[in-house]
Amino acid sequence: MLAYLIRRLFAVVVMLMIVTLATFTIFFMIPKLTGTDPALLFVGKQADPAAIEGIREKLGLSDPIFVQFAKFVEGLVAGRDYANGTDVTHCPAPCFGYSFRTEQEIWPILVERLPVTLSLAAGACLLWVIGGVATGVVSALKRGSLWDRSAMTVALAGVSLPIYFTGLVSLAIFSYALEWISVDYEPFTDNPAAWFESLILPWITLAFLYAAMYARLTRATMLEILGEDYIRTARAKGLREPVVIGKHAMRSTMTPILTILGLDLGALVGGAILTETTFSLPGLGQAAVRAISERDLPLIIGVTLIAAFAIVIANLIVDLLYAVIDPRVRLS
């Protein structure tokens, strides 16, 4: 198990470096190749030549590209100094730079918004995993029944309907018309009850989409596994049905579910853009939308790296869970 863990950790480090290089390439190298001066993205097109040259010197945009990448990585792990003559600004690690709209450090902005996104992703994930997997298992066991057809119809609707539609409908009914639920977000530390109430509709709306996909995947996987020889053998030995399903069938069913769970949860940590925008949640997704509309490049870079790192770490956790569910994975 230790050797498997070391291999996976090494692979994660390599992947993080690749992600960092890809992000740097997209935001710094490609603009140069297309004839766009990266300094203009920081200071705006209306800036005078002196200001543009100053920001180019301060950010080191005139340095060779490999030197720029080395400073970029150094800023993430050890902090970075931005120097323009005697004007030196220190950005502590992890340094994603400064917003050229607010002139604030990017990392504190991300830290302030990250708990909102984590709360949304964790709560919705709990709902969709429990609801989706349970629905899929029951549908597989009662294949062709009224429950199966009804559940799959609802699942198809959940996959087909976009979040901004179901979100707005739930807002119109439960918040505006019936006034049962308030969606004005408050931090957990200020008012736990109000925090929970404000996330009920976002949780349900987001979970409805993913639960539908997980129900269909679970049903299809379970039906395939129930036809395997080892399941028939377990039943022939006289094992009770709950043991056959819970101990044998579910163990194999969880493998593809864990795969997409790692990708989905990791992506949501980078911001559930549609959900946060629909319900006006001050998370990373909303920050990304505003940064794109305002062309706030450092903030976009920060959200992009957070999302990419979250997906890589989530997949590491999934790989470790694979080794627990199926010991043969450790030898592959």
C-alpha atoms as a PDB file:
ATOM      1  CA  MET A   1       0.000   0.000   0.000  1.00  0.00           C
ATOM      2  CA  LEU A   2       2.884   2.356   0.812  1.00  0.00           C
ATOM      3  CA  ALA A   3       4.489   1.832  -2.598  1.00  0.00           C
ATOM      4  CA  TYR A   4       1.147   2.494  -4.283  1.00  0.00           C
ATOM      5  CA  LEU A   5       0.723   5.691  -2.235  1.00  0.00           C
ATOM      6  CA  ILE A   6       4.204   6.912  -3.175  1.00  0.00           C
ATOM      7  CA  ARG A   7       3.538   6.272  -6.866  1.00  0.00           C
ATOM      8  CA  ARG A   8       0.261   8.176  -6.733  1.00  0.00           C
ATOM      9  CA  LEU A   9       1.793  11.114  -4.851  1.00  0.00           C
ATOM     10  CA  PHE A  10       4.592  11.345  -7.400  1.00  0.00           C
ATOM     11  CA  ALA A  11       2.034  11.300 -10.200  1.00  0.00           C
ATOM     12  CA  VAL A  12       0.083  14.091  -8.461  1.00  0.00           C
ATOM     13  CA  VAL A  13       3.191  16.276  -8.191  1.00  0.00           C
ATOM     14  CA  VAL A  14       3.918  15.773 -11.887  1.00  0.00           C
ATOM     15  CA  MET A  15       0.310  16.533 -12.805  1.00  0.00           C
ATOM     16  CA  LEU A  16       0.281  19.700 -10.705  1.00  0.00           C
ATOM     17  CA  MET A  17       3.392  20.900 -12.523  1.00  0.00           C
ATOM     18  CA  ILE A  18       1.756  20.137 -15.891  1.00  0.00           C
ATOM     19  CA  VAL A  19      -1.386  22.016 -14.843  1.00  0.00           C
ATOM     20  CA  THR A  20       0.671  24.983 -13.703  1.00  0.00           C
ATOM     21  CA  LEU A  21       2.621  25.004 -16.980  1.00  0.00           C
ATOM     22  CA  ALA A  22      -0.600  24.768 -19.010  1.00  0.00           C
ATOM     23  CA  THR A  23      -2.135  27.668 -17.082  1.00  0.00           C
ATOM     24  CA  PHE A  24       0.979  29.776 -17.518  1.00  0.00           C
ATOM     25  CA  THR A  25       1.024  28.971 -21.229  1.00  0.00           C
ATOM     26  CA  ILE A  26      -2.614  29.957 -21.722  1.00  0.00           C
ATOM     27  CA  PHE A  27      -2.409  33.262 -19.859  1.00  0.00           C
ATOM     28  CA  PHE A  28       1.144  34.392 -20.654  1.00  0.00           C
ATOM     29  CA  MET A  29       2.594  32.633 -23.699  1.00  0.00           C
ATOM     30  CA  ILE A  30      -0.435  32.430 -26.004  1.00  0.00           C
ATOM     31  CA  PRO A  31      -1.169  36.198 -25.789  1.00  0.00           C
ATOM     32  CA  LYS A  32       2.389  36.853 -26.972  1.00  0.00           C
ATOM     33  CA  LEU A  33       2.027  34.400 -29.844  1.00  0.00           C
ATOM     34  CA  THR A  34      -1.181  36.115 -30.946  1.00  0.00           C
ATOM     35  CA  GLY A  35       0.418  39.566 -30.816  1.00  0.00           C
ATOM     36  CA  THR A  36      -1.217  40.660 -27.547  1.00  0.00           C
ATOM     37  CA  ASP A  37       0.960  42.356 -24.962  1.00  0.00           C
ATOM     38  CA  PRO A  38       0.274  40.713 -21.563  1.00  0.00           C
ATOM     39  CA  ALA A  39       1.086  44.038 -19.900  1.00  0.00           C
ATOM     40  CA  LEU A  40      -1.990  45.557 -21.560  1.00  0.00           C
ATOM     41  CA  LEU A  41      -4.146  42.916 -19.894  1.00  0.00           C
ATOM     42  CA  PHE A  42      -2.924  44.137 -16.524  1.00  0.00           C
ATOM     43  CA  VAL A  43      -3.053  47.903 -16.974  1.00  0.00           C
ATOM     44  CA  GLY A  44      -5.779  48.312 -19.589  1.00  0.00           C
ATOM     45  CA  LYS A  45      -5.634  49.657 -23.145  1.00  0.00           C
ATOM     46  CA  GLN A  46      -6.015  53.288 -22.031  1.00  0.00           C
ATOM     47  CA  ALA A  47      -2.778  53.330 -20.034  1.00  0.00           C
ATOM     48  CA  ASP A  48       0.115  55.490 -21.200  1.00  0.00           C
ATOM     49  CA  PRO A  49       3.353  53.885 -22.505  1.00  0.00           C
ATOM     50  CA  ALA A  50       5.222  54.699 -19.292  1.00  0.00           C
ATOM     51  CA  ALA A  51       2.670  52.798 -17.189  1.00  0.00           C
ATOM     52  CA  ILE A  52       2.791  49.845 -19.562  1.00  0.00           C
ATOM     53  CA  GLU A  53       6.581  49.720 -19.420  1.00  0.00           C
ATOM     54  CA  GLY A  54       6.457  50.001 -15.633  1.00  0.00           C
ATOM     55  CA  ILE A  55       4.097  47.053 -15.259  1.00  0.00           C
ATOM     56  CA  ARG A  56       6.168  45.061 -17.744  1.00  0.00           C
ATOM     57  CA  GLU A  57       9.275  45.631 -15.627  1.00  0.00           C
ATOM     58  CA  LYS A  58       7.466  45.002 -12.344  1.00  0.00           C
ATOM     59  CA  LEU A  59       5.981  41.689 -13.502  1.00  0.00           C
ATOM     60  CA  GLY A  60       9.132  40.626 -15.331  1.00  0.00           C
ATOM     61  CA  LEU A  61       7.319  40.266 -18.655  1.00  0.00           C
ATOM     62  CA  SER A  62      10.500  41.181 -20.534  1.00  0.00           C
ATOM     63  CA  ASP A  63      12.407  38.234 -19.050  1.00  0.00           C
ATOM     64  CA  PRO A  64      12.931  35.005 -21.000  1.00  0.00           C
ATOM     65  CA  ILE A  65       9.855  32.814 -20.867  1.00  0.00           C
ATOM     66  CA  PHE A  66      11.472  30.093 -18.740  1.00  0.00           C
ATOM     67  CA  VAL A  67      12.504  32.750 -16.189  1.00  0.00           C
ATOM     68  CA  GLN A  68       8.935  34.031 -16.066  1.00  0.00           C
ATOM     69  CA  PHE A  69       7.631  30.513 -15.450  1.00  0.00           C
ATOM     70  CA  ALA A  70      10.217  29.912 -12.708  1.00  0.00           C
ATOM     71  CA  LYS A  71       9.100  33.124 -10.943  1.00  0.00           C
ATOM     72  CA  PHE A  72       5.461  32.150 -11.418  1.00  0.00           C
ATOM     73  CA  VAL A  73       6.035  28.781  -9.702  1.00  0.00           C
ATOM     74  CA  GLU A  74       8.196  30.409  -7.034  1.00  0.00           C
ATOM     75  CA  GLY A  75       5.362  32.781  -6.228  1.00  0.00           C
ATOM     76  CA  LEU A  76       2.974  29.878  -5.707  1.00  0.00           C
ATOM     77  CA  VAL A  77       5.236  27.974  -3.306  1.00  0.00           C
ATOM     78  CA  ALA A  78       7.414  30.630  -1.644  1.00  0.00           C
ATOM     79  CA  GLY A  79       5.998  34.069  -2.427  1.00  0.00           C
ATOM     80  CA  ARG A  80       7.289  36.694  -4.796  1.00  0.00           C
ATOM     81  CA  ASP A  81       8.598  40.264  -4.877  1.00  0.00           C
ATOM     82  CA  TYR A  82       7.312  42.642  -7.546  1.00  0.00           C
ATOM     83  CA  ALA A  83       9.984  45.311  -8.047  1.00  0.00           C
ATOM     84  CA  ASN A  84       9.876  48.469 -10.151  1.00  0.00           C
ATOM     85  CA  GLY A  85      12.919  50.498  -9.265  1.00  0.00           C
ATOM     86  CA  THR A  86      12.694  51.292  -5.552  1.00  0.00           C
ATOM     87  CA  ASP A  87       9.031  50.258  -5.435  1.00  0.00           C
ATOM     88  CA  VAL A  88       9.032  46.662  -4.141  1.00  0.00           C
ATOM     89  CA  THR A  89       5.814  44.821  -3.328  1.00  0.00           C
ATOM     90  CA  HIS A  90       5.993  41.463  -1.558  1.00  0.00           C
ATOM     91  CA  CYS A  91       3.278  38.922  -2.315  1.00  0.00           C
ATOM     92  CA  PRO A  92       3.308  36.056   0.227  1.00  0.00           C
ATOM     93  CA  ALA A  93       2.792  32.452  -0.835  1.00  0.00           C
ATOM     94  CA  PRO A  94       0.673  31.239  -2.446  1.00  0.00           C
ATOM     95  CA  CYS A  95       0.986  34.275  -4.669  1.00  0.00           C
ATOM     96  CA  PHE A  96      -1.497  34.535  -7.540  1.00  0.00           C
ATOM     97  CA  GLY A  97      -0.701  38.201  -8.061  1.00  0.00           C
ATOM     98  CA  TYR A  98      -2.827  41.300  -7.501  1.00  0.00           C
ATOM     99  CA  SER A  99      -6.179  42.205  -8.969  1.00  0.00           C
ATOM    100  CA  PHE A 100      -5.711  45.108 -11.362  1.00  0.00           C
ATOM    101  CA  ARG A 101      -9.308  46.137 -10.654  1.00  0.00           C
ATOM    102  CA  THR A 102      -9.149  46.347  -6.854  1.00  0.00           C
ATOM    103  CA  GLU A 103      -5.339  46.094  -6.402  1.00  0.00           C
ATOM    104  CA  GLN A 104      -5.937  43.448  -3.724  1.00  0.00           C
ATOM    105  CA  GLU A 105      -4.023  40.198  -3.349  1.00  0.00           C
ATOM    106  CA  ILE A 106      -5.801  37.386  -5.147  1.00  0.00           C
ATOM    107  CA  TRP A 107      -5.263  34.710  -2.474  1.00  0.00           C
ATOM    108  CA  PRO A 108      -7.260  36.472   0.297  1.00  0.00           C
ATOM    109  CA  ILE A 109     -10.101  36.997  -2.191  1.00  0.00           C
ATOM    110  CA  LEU A 110     -10.106  33.288  -2.990  1.00  0.00           C
ATOM    111  CA  VAL A 111      -9.918  32.326   0.690  1.00  0.00           C
ATOM    112  CA  GLU A 112     -12.898  34.559   1.461  1.00  0.00           C
ATOM    113  CA  ARG A 113     -15.028  32.966  -1.259  1.00  0.00           C
ATOM    114  CA  LEU A 114     -13.826  29.374  -0.999  1.00  0.00           C
ATOM    115  CA  PRO A 115     -15.959  28.418   2.078  1.00  0.00           C
ATOM    116  CA  VAL A 116     -19.127  29.350   0.170  1.00  0.00           C
ATOM    117  CA  THR A 117     -18.216  27.086  -2.734  1.00  0.00           C
ATOM    118  CA  LEU A 118     -17.087  24.263  -0.419  1.00  0.00           C
ATOM    119  CA  SER A 119     -20.349  24.472   1.535  1.00  0.00           C
ATOM    120  CA  LEU A 120     -22.386  24.338  -1.665  1.00  0.00           C
ATOM    121  CA  ALA A 121     -20.373  21.454  -3.155  1.00  0.00           C
ATOM    122  CA  ALA A 122     -20.258  19.344   0.032  1.00  0.00           C
ATOM    123  CA  GLY A 123     -23.965  19.661   0.842  1.00  0.00           C
ATOM    124  CA  ALA A 124     -25.094  18.985  -2.717  1.00  0.00           C
ATOM    125  CA  CYS A 125     -22.655  16.066  -3.024  1.00  0.00           C
ATOM    126  CA  LEU A 126     -24.088  14.399   0.076  1.00  0.00           C
ATOM    127  CA  LEU A 127     -27.608  14.719  -1.299  1.00  0.00           C
ATOM    128  CA  TRP A 128     -26.898  13.525  -4.824  1.00  0.00           C
ATOM    129  CA  VAL A 129     -24.739  10.551  -3.795  1.00  0.00           C
ATOM    130  CA  ILE A 130     -27.268   9.241  -1.278  1.00  0.00           C
ATOM    131  CA  GLY A 131     -30.315   9.989  -3.424  1.00  0.00           C
ATOM    132  CA  GLY A 132     -28.843   9.048  -6.791  1.00  0.00           C
ATOM    133  CA  VAL A 133     -27.153   5.798  -5.754  1.00  0.00           C
ATOM    134  CA  ALA A 134     -30.132   4.626  -3.693  1.00  0.00           C
ATOM    135  CA  THR A 135     -32.533   5.376  -6.548  1.00  0.00           C
ATOM    136  CA  GLY A 136     -30.319   3.594  -9.060  1.00  0.00           C
ATOM    137  CA  VAL A 137     -29.958   0.484  -6.897  1.00  0.00           C
ATOM    138  CA  VAL A 138     -33.698   0.188  -6.256  1.00  0.00           C
ATOM    139  CA  SER A 139     -34.445   0.742  -9.954  1.00  0.00           C
ATOM    140  CA  ALA A 140     -32.015  -2.013 -10.923  1.00  0.00           C
ATOM    141  CA  LEU A 141     -33.501  -4.442  -8.415  1.00  0.00           C
ATOM    142  CA  LYS A 142     -37.032  -3.596  -9.602  1.00  0.00           C
ATOM    143  CA  ARG A 143     -36.256  -3.442 -13.285  1.00  0.00           C
ATOM    144  CA  GLY A 144     -39.315  -2.761 -15.423  1.00  0.00           C
ATOM    145  CA  SER A 145     -41.520  -1.856 -12.471  1.00  0.00           C
ATOM    146  CA  LEU A 146     -43.495   1.339 -12.050  1.00  0.00           C
ATOM    147  CA  TRP A 147     -40.835   2.627  -9.654  1.00  0.00           C
ATOM    148  CA  ASP A 148     -38.093   1.961 -12.193  1.00  0.00           C
ATOM    149  CA  ARG A 149     -39.870   3.750 -15.008  1.00  0.00           C
ATOM    150  CA  SER A 150     -40.926   6.682 -12.836  1.00  0.00           C
ATOM    151  CA  ALA A 151     -37.466   7.125 -11.320  1.00  0.00           C
ATOM    152  CA  MET A 152     -35.736   7.003 -14.703  1.00  0.00           C
ATOM    153  CA  THR A 153     -38.245   9.502 -16.123  1.00  0.00           C
ATOM    154  CA  VAL A 154     -37.471  11.913 -13.303  1.00  0.00           C
ATOM    155  CA  ALA A 155     -33.750  11.241 -13.795  1.00  0.00           C
ATOM    156  CA  LEU A 156     -34.042  12.033 -17.491  1.00  0.00           C
ATOM    157  CA  ALA A 157     -35.783  15.303 -16.611  1.00  0.00           C
ATOM    158  CA  GLY A 158     -33.049  16.105 -14.100  1.00  0.00           C
ATOM    159  CA  VAL A 159     -30.301  15.556 -16.671  1.00  0.00           C
ATOM    160  CA  SER A 160     -32.147  17.524 -19.353  1.00  0.00           C
ATOM    161  CA  LEU A 161     -33.207  20.587 -17.362  1.00  0.00           C
ATOM    162  CA  PRO A 162     -30.428  23.179 -16.893  1.00  0.00           C
ATOM    163  CA  ILE A 163     -29.645  24.491 -13.428  1.00  0.00           C
ATOM    164  CA  TYR A 164     -30.567  28.066 -14.259  1.00  0.00           C
ATOM    165  CA  PHE A 165     -34.094  26.842 -15.152  1.00  0.00           C
ATOM    166  CA  THR A 166     -34.684  24.633 -12.099  1.00  0.00           C
ATOM    167  CA  GLY A 167     -32.982  27.220  -9.895  1.00  0.00           C
ATOM    168  CA  LEU A 168     -35.161  30.085 -11.076  1.00  0.00           C
ATOM    169  CA  VAL A 169     -38.327  27.951 -10.813  1.00  0.00           C
ATOM    170  CA  SER A 170     -37.469  26.943  -7.237  1.00  0.00           C
ATOM    171  CA  LEU A 171     -36.727  30.567  -6.376  1.00  0.00           C
ATOM    172  CA  ALA A 172     -40.019  31.745  -7.872  1.00  0.00           C
ATOM    173  CA  ILE A 173     -42.057  29.140  -5.997  1.00  0.00           C
ATOM    174  CA  PHE A 174     -40.418  28.603  -2.617  1.00  0.00           C
ATOM    175  CA  SER A 175     -38.716  31.941  -2.015  1.00  0.00           C
ATOM    176  CA  TYR A 176     -40.771  34.613  -3.781  1.00  0.00           C
ATOM    177  CA  ALA A 177     -44.307  33.169  -4.009  1.00  0.00           C
ATOM    178  CA  LEU A 178     -44.600  31.027  -0.866  1.00  0.00           C
ATOM    179  CA  GLU A 179     -41.831  32.827   1.072  1.00  0.00           C
ATOM    180  CA  TRP A 180     -40.882  29.589   2.803  1.00  0.00           C
ATOM    181  CA  ILE A 181     -37.118  29.897   2.332  1.00  0.00           C
ATOM    182  CA  SER A 182     -34.774  32.869   2.362  1.00  0.00           C
ATOM    183  CA  VAL A 183     -31.865  32.739  -0.066  1.00  0.00           C
ATOM    184  CA  ASP A 184     -29.942  35.707   1.344  1.00  0.00           C
ATOM    185  CA  TYR A 185     -26.582  34.152   2.093  1.00  0.00           C
ATOM    186  CA  GLU A 186     -25.018  34.629   5.523  1.00  0.00           C
ATOM    187  CA  PRO A 187     -21.710  33.100   6.651  1.00  0.00           C
ATOM    188  CA  PHE A 188     -21.910  30.096   8.960  1.00  0.00           C
ATOM    189  CA  THR A 189     -19.942  31.891  11.663  1.00  0.00           C
ATOM    190  CA  ASP A 190     -22.440  34.766  11.732  1.00  0.00           C
ATOM    191  CA  ASN A 191     -25.691  32.803  11.774  1.00  0.00           C
ATOM    192  CA  PRO A 192     -25.606  28.995  11.303  1.00  0.00           C
ATOM    193  CA  ALA A 193     -29.406  28.746  10.952  1.00  0.00           C
ATOM    194  CA  ALA A 194     -29.563  31.452   8.273  1.00  0.00           C
ATOM    195  CA  TRP A 195     -26.555  29.895   6.515  1.00  0.00           C
ATOM    196  CA  PHE A 196     -28.309  26.531   6.358  1.00  0.00           C
ATOM    197  CA  GLU A 197     -31.585  28.039   5.157  1.00  0.00           C
ATOM    198  CA  SER A 198     -29.897  30.067   2.417  1.00  0.00           C
ATOM    199  CA  LEU A 199     -28.241  26.930   0.983  1.00  0.00           C
ATOM    200  CA  ILE A 200     -31.263  24.604   0.998  1.00  0.00           C
ATOM    201  CA  LEU A 201     -32.476  25.559  -2.487  1.00  0.00           C
ATOM    202  CA  PRO A 202     -28.976  25.685  -4.038  1.00  0.00           C
ATOM    203  CA  TRP A 203     -28.194  22.260  -2.555  1.00  0.00           C
ATOM    204  CA  ILE A 204     -31.391  20.705  -3.874  1.00  0.00           C
ATOM    205  CA  THR A 205     -31.106  22.354  -7.286  1.00  0.00           C
ATOM    206  CA  LEU A 206     -27.503  21.270  -7.793  1.00  0.00           C
ATOM    207  CA  ALA A 207     -28.103  17.810  -6.341  1.00  0.00           C
ATOM    208  CA  PHE A 208     -31.111  17.256  -8.611  1.00  0.00           C
ATOM    209  CA  LEU A 209     -28.922  17.497 -11.697  1.00  0.00           C
ATOM    210  CA  TYR A 210     -26.169  15.232 -10.418  1.00  0.00           C
ATOM    211  CA  ALA A 211     -28.464  12.752  -8.631  1.00  0.00           C
ATOM    212  CA  ALA A 212     -30.184  12.119 -11.944  1.00  0.00           C
ATOM    213  CA  MET A 213     -26.888  11.233 -13.635  1.00  0.00           C
ATOM    214  CA  TYR A 214     -25.751   9.066 -10.711  1.00  0.00           C
ATOM    215  CA  ALA A 215     -29.086   7.226 -10.625  1.00  0.00           C
ATOM    216  CA  ARG A 216     -28.822   6.318 -14.309  1.00  0.00           C
ATOM    217  CA  LEU A 217     -25.164   5.291 -13.971  1.00  0.00           C
ATOM    218  CA  THR A 218     -25.841   3.224 -10.834  1.00  0.00           C
ATOM    219  CA  ARG A 219     -28.787   1.462 -12.438  1.00  0.00           C
ATOM    220  CA  ALA A 220     -26.852   0.574 -15.591  1.00  0.00           C
ATOM    221  CA  THR A 221     -23.803  -0.623 -13.635  1.00  0.00           C
ATOM    222  CA  MET A 222     -25.871  -2.609 -11.146  1.00  0.00           C
ATOM    223  CA  LEU A 223     -27.823  -4.372 -13.902  1.00  0.00           C
ATOM    224  CA  GLU A 224     -24.553  -5.403 -15.547  1.00  0.00           C
ATOM    225  CA  ILE A 225     -23.051  -6.658 -12.295  1.00  0.00           C
ATOM    226  CA  LEU A 226     -26.155  -8.607 -11.256  1.00  0.00           C
ATOM    227  CA  GLY A 227     -25.629 -10.770 -14.336  1.00  0.00           C
ATOM    228  CA  GLU A 228     -22.045 -11.680 -13.416  1.00  0.00           C
ATOM    229  CA  ASP A 229     -21.097 -15.244 -12.474  1.00  0.00           C
ATOM    230  CA  TYR A 230     -19.897 -14.401  -8.972  1.00  0.00           C
ATOM    231  CA  ILE A 231     -23.278 -12.888  -8.110  1.00  0.00           C
ATOM    232  CA  ARG A 232     -25.072 -16.035  -9.250  1.00  0.00           C
ATOM    233  CA  THR A 233     -22.555 -18.099  -7.278  1.00  0.00           C
ATOM    234  CA  ALA A 234     -23.157 -16.053  -4.139  1.00  0.00           C
ATOM    235  CA  ARG A 235     -26.895 -16.577  -4.473  1.00  0.00           C
ATOM    236  CA  ALA A 236     -26.414 -20.291  -5.152  1.00  0.00           C
ATOM    237  CA  LYS A 237     -24.467 -20.592  -1.905  1.00  0.00           C
ATOM    238  CA  GLY A 238     -27.555 -19.400  -0.087  1.00  0.00           C
ATOM    239  CA  LEU A 239     -26.357 -15.935   0.885  1.00  0.00           C
ATOM    240  CA  ARG A 240     -29.141 -13.547   1.802  1.00  0.00           C
ATOM    241  CA  GLU A 241     -30.065 -10.960  -0.832  1.00  0.00           C
ATOM    242  CA  PRO A 242     -28.982  -7.957   1.319  1.00  0.00           C
ATOM    243  CA  VAL A 243     -25.538  -9.563   1.674  1.00  0.00           C
ATOM    244  CA  VAL A 244     -25.286 -10.285  -2.062  1.00  0.00           C
ATOM    245  CA  ILE A 245     -26.254  -6.724  -2.956  1.00  0.00           C
ATOM    246  CA  GLY A 246     -24.495  -4.857  -0.149  1.00  0.00           C
ATOM    247  CA  LYS A 247     -21.240  -6.792   0.093  1.00  0.00           C
ATOM    248  CA  HIS A 248     -20.679  -8.068  -3.436  1.00  0.00           C
ATOM    249  CA  ALA A 249     -22.664  -6.071  -6.012  1.00  0.00           C
ATOM    250  CA  MET A 250     -22.280  -2.624  -4.418  1.00  0.00           C
ATOM    251  CA  ARG A 251     -18.525  -3.003  -4.075  1.00  0.00           C
ATOM    252  CA  SER A 252     -18.150  -3.298  -7.836  1.00  0.00           C
ATOM    253  CA  THR A 253     -20.823  -0.703  -8.507  1.00  0.00           C
ATOM    254  CA  MET A 254     -18.971   1.957  -6.503  1.00  0.00           C
ATOM    255  CA  THR A 255     -15.904   1.947  -8.766  1.00  0.00           C
ATOM    256  CA  PRO A 256     -17.359   3.965 -11.686  1.00  0.00           C
ATOM    257  CA  ILE A 257     -19.338   6.099  -9.233  1.00  0.00           C
ATOM    258  CA  LEU A 258     -16.146   7.075  -7.401  1.00  0.00           C
ATOM    259  CA  THR A 259     -14.528   7.919 -10.734  1.00  0.00           C
ATOM    260  CA  ILE A 260     -17.081  10.525 -11.748  1.00  0.00           C
ATOM    261  CA  LEU A 261     -17.521  11.681  -8.140  1.00  0.00           C
ATOM    262  CA  GLY A 262     -13.887  12.742  -8.003  1.00  0.00           C
ATOM    263  CA  LEU A 263     -14.207  14.686 -11.253  1.00  0.00           C
ATOM    264  CA  ASP A 264     -17.547  16.271 -10.364  1.00  0.00           C
ATOM    265  CA  LEU A 265     -16.624  17.272  -6.821  1.00  0.00           C
ATOM    266  CA  GLY A 266     -13.226  18.568  -7.870  1.00  0.00           C
ATOM    267  CA  ALA A 267     -14.793  20.670 -10.620  1.00  0.00           C
ATOM    268  CA  LEU A 268     -17.384  22.103  -8.226  1.00  0.00           C
ATOM    269  CA  VAL A 269     -14.662  23.217  -5.807  1.00  0.00           C
ATOM    270  CA  GLY A 270     -13.511  25.476  -8.618  1.00  0.00           C
ATOM    271  CA  GLY A 271     -16.945  27.088  -8.569  1.00  0.00           C
ATOM    272  CA  ALA A 272     -20.473  25.992  -9.401  1.00  0.00           C
ATOM    273  CA  ILE A 273     -20.853  28.927 -11.774  1.00  0.00           C
ATOM    274  CA  LEU A 274     -24.496  28.559 -12.801  1.00  0.00           C
ATOM    275  CA  THR A 275     -25.741  27.746  -9.301  1.00  0.00           C
ATOM    276  CA  GLU A 276     -23.784  30.519  -7.615  1.00  0.00           C
ATOM    277  CA  THR A 277     -24.883  33.035 -10.225  1.00  0.00           C
ATOM    278  CA  THR A 278     -28.548  31.983 -10.054  1.00  0.00           C
ATOM    279  CA  PHE A 279     -28.705  32.199  -6.257  1.00  0.00           C
ATOM    280  CA  SER A 280     -26.239  35.126  -5.913  1.00  0.00           C
ATOM    281  CA  LEU A 281     -23.840  33.114  -3.765  1.00  0.00           C
ATOM    282  CA  PRO A 282     -20.491  34.880  -3.241  1.00  0.00           C
ATOM    283  CA  GLY A 283     -18.373  31.876  -4.189  1.00  0.00           C
ATOM    284  CA  LEU A 284     -15.544  31.185  -6.598  1.00  0.00           C
ATOM    285  CA  GLY A 285     -17.909  30.664  -9.527  1.00  0.00           C
ATOM    286  CA  GLN A 286     -19.432  34.102  -9.146  1.00  0.00           C
ATOM    287  CA  ALA A 287     -15.939  35.580  -8.753  1.00  0.00           C
ATOM    288  CA  ALA A 288     -14.862  33.905 -11.997  1.00  0.00           C
ATOM    289  CA  VAL A 289     -17.826  35.320 -13.911  1.00  0.00           C
ATOM    290  CA  ARG A 290     -17.128  38.832 -12.654  1.00  0.00           C
ATOM    291  CA  ALA A 291     -13.410  38.505 -13.340  1.00  0.00           C
ATOM    292  CA  ILE A 292     -14.090  37.457 -16.937  1.00  0.00           C
ATOM    293  CA  SER A 293     -16.511  40.330 -17.515  1.00  0.00           C
ATOM    294  CA  GLU A 294     -14.029  42.800 -16.003  1.00  0.00           C
ATOM    295  CA  ARG A 295     -10.985  41.195 -17.665  1.00  0.00           C
ATOM    296  CA  ASP A 296      -9.370  40.791 -14.257  1.00  0.00           C
ATOM    297  CA  LEU A 297      -6.659  38.376 -15.420  1.00  0.00           C
ATOM    298  CA  PRO A 298      -4.954  37.579 -12.060  1.00  0.00           C
ATOM    299  CA  LEU A 299      -8.278  36.593 -10.479  1.00  0.00           C
ATOM    300  CA  ILE A 300      -9.105  34.378 -13.458  1.00  0.00           C
ATOM    301  CA  ILE A 301      -5.709  32.692 -13.094  1.00  0.00           C
ATOM    302  CA  GLY A 302      -6.325  32.126  -9.378  1.00  0.00           C
ATOM    303  CA  VAL A 303      -9.734  30.513  -9.874  1.00  0.00           C
ATOM    304  CA  THR A 304      -8.393  28.399 -12.744  1.00  0.00           C
ATOM    305  CA  LEU A 305      -5.517  27.028 -10.679  1.00  0.00           C
ATOM    306  CA  ILE A 306      -7.741  26.364  -7.659  1.00  0.00           C
ATOM    307  CA  ALA A 307     -10.169  24.414  -9.851  1.00  0.00           C
ATOM    308  CA  ALA A 308      -7.381  22.451 -11.528  1.00  0.00           C
ATOM    309  CA  PHE A 309      -5.637  21.640  -8.245  1.00  0.00           C
ATOM    310  CA  ALA A 310      -8.952  20.559  -6.706  1.00  0.00           C
ATOM    311  CA  ILE A 311      -9.606  18.108  -9.542  1.00  0.00           C
ATOM    312  CA  VAL A 312      -6.113  16.629  -9.246  1.00  0.00           C
ATOM    313  CA  ILE A 313      -6.391  16.210  -5.463  1.00  0.00           C
ATOM    314  CA  ALA A 314      -9.906  14.775  -5.759  1.00  0.00           C
ATOM    315  CA  ASN A 315      -8.620  12.180  -8.224  1.00  0.00           C
ATOM    316  CA  LEU A 316      -5.811  11.276  -5.825  1.00  0.00           C
ATOM    317  CA  ILE A 317      -8.395  10.597  -3.123  1.00  0.00           C
ATOM    318  CA  VAL A 318     -10.414   8.509  -5.577  1.00  0.00           C
ATOM    319  CA  ASP A 319      -7.324   6.457  -6.459  1.00  0.00           C
ATOM    320  CA  LEU A 320      -6.704   5.767  -2.771  1.00  0.00           C
ATOM    321  CA  LEU A 321     -10.324   4.728  -2.312  1.00  0.00           C
ATOM    322  CA  TYR A 322      -9.933   2.377  -5.288  1.00  0.00           C
ATOM    323  CA  ALA A 323      -7.143   0.623  -3.401  1.00  0.00           C
ATOM    324  CA  VAL A 324      -9.431   0.181  -0.396  1.00  0.00           C
ATOM    325  CA  ILE A 325     -12.390  -1.137  -2.419  1.00  0.00           C
ATOM    326  CA  ASP A 326     -10.342  -3.354  -4.745  1.00  0.00           C
ATOM    327  CA  PRO A 327      -6.893  -4.435  -3.447  1.00  0.00           C
ATOM    328  CA  ARG A 328      -5.929  -5.532  -6.969  1.00  0.00           C
ATOM    329  CA  VAL A 329      -5.578  -1.841  -7.875  1.00  0.00           C
ATOM    330  CA  ARG A 330      -2.492  -1.545  -5.683  1.00  0.00           C
ATOM    331  CA  LEU A 331      -0.655  -4.033  -7.911  1.00  0.00           C
ATOM    332  CA  SER A 332      -1.525  -2.396 -11.231  1.00  0.00           C
END
